[in-house]
Amino acid sequence: MQLLSVLPVLIVLIFSIVVHEVAHAWVALKEGDDTAYRLGRITLNPVSHLDPFGSFLVPLAMYFFSNGLIFGWAKPVPIDPRKFRDFRGGDIRVSMAGIVSNLMLVVVFTLLVVVFVKLQGVFPTAESTFAFLIRTARFGVFINLILAFFNLIPIPPLDGSHVLYHFLPRAWRAAYQRAGQFGLLVLMGLVFLYPPFFRTILWPVNILMGLSDRFVELWM
């Protein structure tokens, strides 16, 4: 029964991280890099993006062992910045594309909550169904805010690191990039072993989640 309860949450998470990666691939193509396009990564088909560890095992482990909190990632989109028409600007735009896509999904899921709240009032006999849809859509708001703010962290290989890279002194950039090989281990250690790390991320997430809820209340 617990697995059935996490299934809709996992579907929303997978959809959100797939959109994040597709946004990277699509903007990279617009910037002149067709690497991801040639590998079939500009698609919403999850099979092309999912990582067994980051898309399934980590989210399920977090859901069952961290009070219902869930997080994950997909396979990174292959990017060749050397093909960008504007190396610095292109790299920044491609890196920010995933974050922007998650913020756009925050708006979409907020509007879905409004729609489901309205439909719940129109169809009272289906109240439990719409209550489930409202909870799922609110999770969509929550997880996309987490994805956006988590990826802003300037620890390689997260998106924020690509932005910071271009503002570092040239002498520091190579070492900063090399640190990326340990970035995932550092992040996983912070997530699982240092609870204040996630609380720091959740601070702006909770504020924006509250704004989303207040917007929904305007329509109730």
C-alpha atoms as a PDB file:
ATOM      1  CA  MET A   1       0.000   0.000   0.000  1.00  0.00           C
ATOM      2  CA  GLN A   2       2.866   2.353   0.775  1.00  0.00           C
ATOM      3  CA  LEU A   3       4.329   1.734  -2.683  1.00  0.00           C
ATOM      4  CA  LEU A   4       0.993   2.674  -4.298  1.00  0.00           C
ATOM      5  CA  SER A   5       0.950   5.929  -2.342  1.00  0.00           C
ATOM      6  CA  VAL A   6       4.418   6.898  -3.601  1.00  0.00           C
ATOM      7  CA  LEU A   7       3.685   6.014  -7.250  1.00  0.00           C
ATOM      8  CA  PRO A   8       1.925   9.305  -8.210  1.00  0.00           C
ATOM      9  CA  VAL A   9       4.644  11.253  -6.394  1.00  0.00           C
ATOM     10  CA  LEU A  10       7.346   9.340  -8.302  1.00  0.00           C
ATOM     11  CA  ILE A  11       5.568   9.988 -11.618  1.00  0.00           C
ATOM     12  CA  VAL A  12       5.459  13.748 -10.949  1.00  0.00           C
ATOM     13  CA  LEU A  13       9.138  13.701  -9.917  1.00  0.00           C
ATOM     14  CA  ILE A  14      10.180  11.788 -13.051  1.00  0.00           C
ATOM     15  CA  PHE A  15       8.159  14.105 -15.300  1.00  0.00           C
ATOM     16  CA  SER A  16       9.748  17.165 -13.662  1.00  0.00           C
ATOM     17  CA  ILE A  17      13.348  15.962 -13.966  1.00  0.00           C
ATOM     18  CA  VAL A  18      12.749  14.865 -17.576  1.00  0.00           C
ATOM     19  CA  VAL A  19      11.438  18.344 -18.449  1.00  0.00           C
ATOM     20  CA  HIS A  20      14.525  19.791 -16.720  1.00  0.00           C
ATOM     21  CA  GLU A  21      16.885  17.753 -18.918  1.00  0.00           C
ATOM     22  CA  VAL A  22      14.903  18.378 -22.104  1.00  0.00           C
ATOM     23  CA  ALA A  23      15.158  22.124 -21.435  1.00  0.00           C
ATOM     24  CA  HIS A  24      18.956  21.831 -21.275  1.00  0.00           C
ATOM     25  CA  ALA A  25      19.036  19.864 -24.540  1.00  0.00           C
ATOM     26  CA  TRP A  26      16.654  22.192 -26.383  1.00  0.00           C
ATOM     27  CA  VAL A  27      18.462  25.398 -25.405  1.00  0.00           C
ATOM     28  CA  ALA A  28      21.832  23.770 -26.236  1.00  0.00           C
ATOM     29  CA  LEU A  29      20.516  23.090 -29.750  1.00  0.00           C
ATOM     30  CA  LYS A  30      19.432  26.727 -30.064  1.00  0.00           C
ATOM     31  CA  GLU A  31      22.930  27.775 -28.959  1.00  0.00           C
ATOM     32  CA  GLY A  32      24.530  25.659 -31.705  1.00  0.00           C
ATOM     33  CA  ASP A  33      25.267  22.336 -29.975  1.00  0.00           C
ATOM     34  CA  ASP A  34      23.407  19.402 -31.547  1.00  0.00           C
ATOM     35  CA  THR A  35      25.043  16.705 -29.362  1.00  0.00           C
ATOM     36  CA  ALA A  36      21.947  15.982 -27.261  1.00  0.00           C
ATOM     37  CA  TYR A  37      19.677  16.257 -30.319  1.00  0.00           C
ATOM     38  CA  ARG A  38      21.662  13.618 -32.223  1.00  0.00           C
ATOM     39  CA  LEU A  39      21.472  11.316 -29.199  1.00  0.00           C
ATOM     40  CA  GLY A  40      17.669  11.619 -29.057  1.00  0.00           C
ATOM     41  CA  ARG A  41      17.573  13.566 -25.786  1.00  0.00           C
ATOM     42  CA  ILE A  42      15.101  16.237 -26.925  1.00  0.00           C
ATOM     43  CA  THR A  43      12.141  14.065 -26.032  1.00  0.00           C
ATOM     44  CA  LEU A  44       9.746  13.713 -23.108  1.00  0.00           C
ATOM     45  CA  ASN A  45      10.083   9.928 -23.342  1.00  0.00           C
ATOM     46  CA  PRO A  46      11.457   9.102 -19.855  1.00  0.00           C
ATOM     47  CA  VAL A  47      13.341   6.049 -21.158  1.00  0.00           C
ATOM     48  CA  SER A  48      15.847   8.388 -22.823  1.00  0.00           C
ATOM     49  CA  HIS A  49      16.589  10.246 -19.593  1.00  0.00           C
ATOM     50  CA  LEU A  50      16.106   8.101 -16.507  1.00  0.00           C
ATOM     51  CA  ASP A  51      18.956   6.926 -14.315  1.00  0.00           C
ATOM     52  CA  PRO A  52      18.135   3.772 -12.282  1.00  0.00           C
ATOM     53  CA  PHE A  53      19.986   5.099  -9.225  1.00  0.00           C
ATOM     54  CA  GLY A  54      18.982   8.766  -9.266  1.00  0.00           C
ATOM     55  CA  SER A  55      15.478   8.385 -10.715  1.00  0.00           C
ATOM     56  CA  PHE A  56      14.268   5.377  -8.694  1.00  0.00           C
ATOM     57  CA  LEU A  57      16.492   4.087  -5.873  1.00  0.00           C
ATOM     58  CA  VAL A  58      17.376   7.460  -4.308  1.00  0.00           C
ATOM     59  CA  PRO A  59      13.797   8.859  -4.469  1.00  0.00           C
ATOM     60  CA  LEU A  60      12.324   5.703  -2.949  1.00  0.00           C
ATOM     61  CA  ALA A  61      14.986   5.552  -0.232  1.00  0.00           C
ATOM     62  CA  MET A  62      14.399   9.200   0.665  1.00  0.00           C
ATOM     63  CA  TYR A  63      10.607   8.799   0.683  1.00  0.00           C
ATOM     64  CA  PHE A  64      10.656   5.865   3.091  1.00  0.00           C
ATOM     65  CA  PHE A  65      13.575   6.940   5.308  1.00  0.00           C
ATOM     66  CA  SER A  66      13.311  10.754   5.483  1.00  0.00           C
ATOM     67  CA  ASN A  67       9.714  11.476   6.541  1.00  0.00           C
ATOM     68  CA  GLY A  68       8.296  11.453   3.022  1.00  0.00           C
ATOM     69  CA  LEU A  69      10.791  13.865   1.470  1.00  0.00           C
ATOM     70  CA  ILE A  70      11.653  12.870  -2.084  1.00  0.00           C
ATOM     71  CA  PHE A  71      14.312  13.966  -4.545  1.00  0.00           C
ATOM     72  CA  GLY A  72      16.093  12.584  -7.594  1.00  0.00           C
ATOM     73  CA  TRP A  73      17.769  13.249 -10.913  1.00  0.00           C
ATOM     74  CA  ALA A  74      17.998  11.975 -14.483  1.00  0.00           C
ATOM     75  CA  LYS A  75      21.017  11.233 -16.691  1.00  0.00           C
ATOM     76  CA  PRO A  76      22.757  14.552 -17.448  1.00  0.00           C
ATOM     77  CA  VAL A  77      22.293  15.772 -21.001  1.00  0.00           C
ATOM     78  CA  PRO A  78      25.587  15.610 -22.953  1.00  0.00           C
ATOM     79  CA  ILE A  79      26.628  19.155 -23.808  1.00  0.00           C
ATOM     80  CA  ASP A  80      29.608  20.341 -25.877  1.00  0.00           C
ATOM     81  CA  PRO A  81      30.073  24.046 -25.038  1.00  0.00           C
ATOM     82  CA  ARG A  82      32.743  24.333 -27.754  1.00  0.00           C
ATOM     83  CA  LYS A  83      29.907  24.297 -30.291  1.00  0.00           C
ATOM     84  CA  PHE A  84      28.111  27.264 -28.718  1.00  0.00           C
ATOM     85  CA  ARG A  85      28.107  30.393 -30.837  1.00  0.00           C
ATOM     86  CA  ASP A  86      28.774  32.346 -27.624  1.00  0.00           C
ATOM     87  CA  PHE A  87      30.702  30.119 -25.221  1.00  0.00           C
ATOM     88  CA  ARG A  88      30.178  32.138 -22.027  1.00  0.00           C
ATOM     89  CA  GLY A  89      26.595  33.290 -22.629  1.00  0.00           C
ATOM     90  CA  GLY A  90      25.548  29.971 -24.161  1.00  0.00           C
ATOM     91  CA  ASP A  91      26.888  27.944 -21.246  1.00  0.00           C
ATOM     92  CA  ILE A  92      25.048  30.156 -18.754  1.00  0.00           C
ATOM     93  CA  ARG A  93      21.772  30.057 -20.706  1.00  0.00           C
ATOM     94  CA  VAL A  94      21.904  26.282 -21.177  1.00  0.00           C
ATOM     95  CA  SER A  95      22.685  25.779 -17.481  1.00  0.00           C
ATOM     96  CA  MET A  96      19.819  28.023 -16.366  1.00  0.00           C
ATOM     97  CA  ALA A  97      17.329  26.444 -18.796  1.00  0.00           C
ATOM     98  CA  GLY A  98      16.586  23.505 -16.505  1.00  0.00           C
ATOM     99  CA  ILE A  99      15.980  25.779 -13.522  1.00  0.00           C
ATOM    100  CA  VAL A 100      13.694  28.042 -15.570  1.00  0.00           C
ATOM    101  CA  SER A 101      11.739  24.996 -16.777  1.00  0.00           C
ATOM    102  CA  ASN A 102      11.154  23.895 -13.178  1.00  0.00           C
ATOM    103  CA  LEU A 103       9.929  27.364 -12.209  1.00  0.00           C
ATOM    104  CA  MET A 104       7.551  27.277 -15.187  1.00  0.00           C
ATOM    105  CA  LEU A 105       6.240  23.920 -13.947  1.00  0.00           C
ATOM    106  CA  VAL A 106       5.676  25.524 -10.532  1.00  0.00           C
ATOM    107  CA  VAL A 107       3.254  27.917 -12.257  1.00  0.00           C
ATOM    108  CA  VAL A 108       1.593  25.084 -14.215  1.00  0.00           C
ATOM    109  CA  PHE A 109       1.075  22.901 -11.141  1.00  0.00           C
ATOM    110  CA  THR A 110      -0.229  25.876  -9.137  1.00  0.00           C
ATOM    111  CA  LEU A 111      -2.821  26.518 -11.850  1.00  0.00           C
ATOM    112  CA  LEU A 112      -3.727  22.819 -11.817  1.00  0.00           C
ATOM    113  CA  VAL A 113      -4.374  23.045  -8.075  1.00  0.00           C
ATOM    114  CA  VAL A 114      -6.772  25.937  -8.775  1.00  0.00           C
ATOM    115  CA  VAL A 115      -8.535  23.914 -11.490  1.00  0.00           C
ATOM    116  CA  PHE A 116      -8.899  20.843  -9.266  1.00  0.00           C
ATOM    117  CA  VAL A 117     -10.160  22.946  -6.340  1.00  0.00           C
ATOM    118  CA  LYS A 118     -12.829  24.454  -8.602  1.00  0.00           C
ATOM    119  CA  LEU A 119     -13.821  21.054 -10.017  1.00  0.00           C
ATOM    120  CA  GLN A 120     -14.028  19.631  -6.503  1.00  0.00           C
ATOM    121  CA  GLY A 121     -16.722  22.192  -5.741  1.00  0.00           C
ATOM    122  CA  VAL A 122     -18.613  21.424  -8.966  1.00  0.00           C
ATOM    123  CA  PHE A 123     -18.485  17.635  -8.524  1.00  0.00           C
ATOM    124  CA  PRO A 124     -18.871  16.958  -4.763  1.00  0.00           C
ATOM    125  CA  THR A 125     -19.419  13.223  -5.357  1.00  0.00           C
ATOM    126  CA  ALA A 126     -15.845  12.990  -6.640  1.00  0.00           C
ATOM    127  CA  GLU A 127     -14.392  14.934  -3.705  1.00  0.00           C
ATOM    128  CA  SER A 128     -11.870  12.230  -2.762  1.00  0.00           C
ATOM    129  CA  THR A 129     -10.602  11.961  -6.344  1.00  0.00           C
ATOM    130  CA  PHE A 130     -10.029  15.701  -6.613  1.00  0.00           C
ATOM    131  CA  ALA A 131      -8.453  15.783  -3.144  1.00  0.00           C
ATOM    132  CA  PHE A 132      -5.921  13.234  -4.423  1.00  0.00           C
ATOM    133  CA  LEU A 133      -5.282  15.312  -7.573  1.00  0.00           C
ATOM    134  CA  ILE A 134      -4.853  18.466  -5.487  1.00  0.00           C
ATOM    135  CA  ARG A 135      -2.282  16.749  -3.244  1.00  0.00           C
ATOM    136  CA  THR A 136      -0.418  15.464  -6.310  1.00  0.00           C
ATOM    137  CA  ALA A 137      -0.388  18.883  -7.996  1.00  0.00           C
ATOM    138  CA  ARG A 138       0.804  20.553  -4.781  1.00  0.00           C
ATOM    139  CA  PHE A 139       3.645  18.052  -4.683  1.00  0.00           C
ATOM    140  CA  GLY A 140       4.410  19.134  -8.261  1.00  0.00           C
ATOM    141  CA  VAL A 141       4.810  22.691  -6.982  1.00  0.00           C
ATOM    142  CA  PHE A 142       6.989  21.537  -4.087  1.00  0.00           C
ATOM    143  CA  ILE A 143       9.332  19.214  -5.998  1.00  0.00           C
ATOM    144  CA  ASN A 144       9.893  21.706  -8.820  1.00  0.00           C
ATOM    145  CA  LEU A 145      10.821  24.402  -6.313  1.00  0.00           C
ATOM    146  CA  ILE A 146      13.299  21.976  -4.723  1.00  0.00           C
ATOM    147  CA  LEU A 147      14.747  21.059  -8.128  1.00  0.00           C
ATOM    148  CA  ALA A 148      15.140  24.731  -9.037  1.00  0.00           C
ATOM    149  CA  PHE A 149      16.845  25.806  -5.807  1.00  0.00           C
ATOM    150  CA  PHE A 150      18.904  22.635  -5.438  1.00  0.00           C
ATOM    151  CA  ASN A 151      20.336  23.064  -8.929  1.00  0.00           C
ATOM    152  CA  LEU A 152      21.275  26.661  -8.140  1.00  0.00           C
ATOM    153  CA  ILE A 153      23.849  25.379  -5.615  1.00  0.00           C
ATOM    154  CA  PRO A 154      27.297  26.125  -7.105  1.00  0.00           C
ATOM    155  CA  ILE A 155      28.745  22.665  -6.461  1.00  0.00           C
ATOM    156  CA  PRO A 156      29.850  20.881  -9.667  1.00  0.00           C
ATOM    157  CA  PRO A 157      28.133  19.343 -11.564  1.00  0.00           C
ATOM    158  CA  LEU A 158      24.946  21.232 -10.572  1.00  0.00           C
ATOM    159  CA  ASP A 159      23.698  23.967 -12.900  1.00  0.00           C
ATOM    160  CA  GLY A 160      24.716  26.777 -10.575  1.00  0.00           C
ATOM    161  CA  SER A 161      28.358  25.697 -10.869  1.00  0.00           C
ATOM    162  CA  HIS A 162      28.359  26.449 -14.611  1.00  0.00           C
ATOM    163  CA  VAL A 163      27.270  30.003 -13.892  1.00  0.00           C
ATOM    164  CA  LEU A 164      29.799  30.545 -11.088  1.00  0.00           C
ATOM    165  CA  TYR A 165      32.582  29.108 -13.276  1.00  0.00           C
ATOM    166  CA  HIS A 166      32.420  32.093 -15.629  1.00  0.00           C
ATOM    167  CA  PHE A 167      32.767  34.576 -12.769  1.00  0.00           C
ATOM    168  CA  LEU A 168      35.785  32.918 -11.153  1.00  0.00           C
ATOM    169  CA  PRO A 169      39.349  34.104 -11.821  1.00  0.00           C
ATOM    170  CA  ARG A 170      40.765  32.153 -14.781  1.00  0.00           C
ATOM    171  CA  ALA A 171      43.444  30.571 -12.590  1.00  0.00           C
ATOM    172  CA  TRP A 172      40.771  28.911 -10.428  1.00  0.00           C
ATOM    173  CA  ARG A 173      38.515  27.536 -13.159  1.00  0.00           C
ATOM    174  CA  ALA A 174      40.365  24.299 -13.989  1.00  0.00           C
ATOM    175  CA  ALA A 175      40.557  23.237 -10.339  1.00  0.00           C
ATOM    176  CA  TYR A 176      36.888  24.102  -9.867  1.00  0.00           C
ATOM    177  CA  GLN A 177      35.930  21.896 -12.817  1.00  0.00           C
ATOM    178  CA  ARG A 178      38.103  19.030 -11.547  1.00  0.00           C
ATOM    179  CA  ALA A 179      36.268  19.196  -8.235  1.00  0.00           C
ATOM    180  CA  GLY A 180      33.177  18.070 -10.164  1.00  0.00           C
ATOM    181  CA  GLN A 181      34.361  14.440 -10.032  1.00  0.00           C
ATOM    182  CA  PHE A 182      33.692  14.516  -6.275  1.00  0.00           C
ATOM    183  CA  GLY A 183      30.636  16.776  -6.473  1.00  0.00           C
ATOM    184  CA  LEU A 184      28.036  14.008  -6.391  1.00  0.00           C
ATOM    185  CA  LEU A 185      29.639  12.382  -3.346  1.00  0.00           C
ATOM    186  CA  VAL A 186      29.736  15.731  -1.550  1.00  0.00           C
ATOM    187  CA  LEU A 187      26.097  16.409  -2.377  1.00  0.00           C
ATOM    188  CA  MET A 188      24.907  12.968  -1.274  1.00  0.00           C
ATOM    189  CA  GLY A 189      26.879  13.330   1.953  1.00  0.00           C
ATOM    190  CA  LEU A 190      25.279  16.717   2.629  1.00  0.00           C
ATOM    191  CA  VAL A 191      21.769  15.446   1.814  1.00  0.00           C
ATOM    192  CA  PHE A 192      21.905  12.292   3.949  1.00  0.00           C
ATOM    193  CA  LEU A 193      24.389  13.201   6.699  1.00  0.00           C
ATOM    194  CA  TYR A 194      23.869  16.916   7.290  1.00  0.00           C
ATOM    195  CA  PRO A 195      20.143  17.739   7.769  1.00  0.00           C
ATOM    196  CA  PRO A 196      20.679  21.554   7.992  1.00  0.00           C
ATOM    197  CA  PHE A 197      21.757  21.447   4.334  1.00  0.00           C
ATOM    198  CA  PHE A 198      18.280  20.529   3.134  1.00  0.00           C
ATOM    199  CA  ARG A 199      16.647  22.867   5.646  1.00  0.00           C
ATOM    200  CA  THR A 200      18.603  25.734   4.093  1.00  0.00           C
ATOM    201  CA  ILE A 201      17.272  24.805   0.641  1.00  0.00           C
ATOM    202  CA  LEU A 202      13.749  24.408   2.004  1.00  0.00           C
ATOM    203  CA  TRP A 203      13.721  27.937   3.437  1.00  0.00           C
ATOM    204  CA  PRO A 204      13.085  29.724   0.078  1.00  0.00           C
ATOM    205  CA  VAL A 205      11.069  26.712  -1.123  1.00  0.00           C
ATOM    206  CA  ASN A 206       8.669  27.022   1.813  1.00  0.00           C
ATOM    207  CA  ILE A 207       8.278  30.768   1.246  1.00  0.00           C
ATOM    208  CA  LEU A 208       7.364  30.306  -2.427  1.00  0.00           C
ATOM    209  CA  MET A 209       5.175  27.310  -1.569  1.00  0.00           C
ATOM    210  CA  GLY A 210       3.265  29.618   0.778  1.00  0.00           C
ATOM    211  CA  LEU A 211       2.825  32.164  -2.027  1.00  0.00           C
ATOM    212  CA  SER A 212       1.484  29.409  -4.276  1.00  0.00           C
ATOM    213  CA  ASP A 213      -0.997  28.357  -1.591  1.00  0.00           C
ATOM    214  CA  ARG A 214      -2.143  31.957  -1.074  1.00  0.00           C
ATOM    215  CA  PHE A 215      -2.745  32.301  -4.811  1.00  0.00           C
ATOM    216  CA  VAL A 216      -4.894  29.152  -4.731  1.00  0.00           C
ATOM    217  CA  GLU A 217      -6.849  30.551  -1.760  1.00  0.00           C
ATOM    218  CA  LEU A 218      -7.840  33.575  -3.869  1.00  0.00           C
ATOM    219  CA  TRP A 219      -9.926  31.209  -6.010  1.00  0.00           C
ATOM    220  CA  MET A 220     -11.549  29.239  -3.189  1.00  0.00           C
END
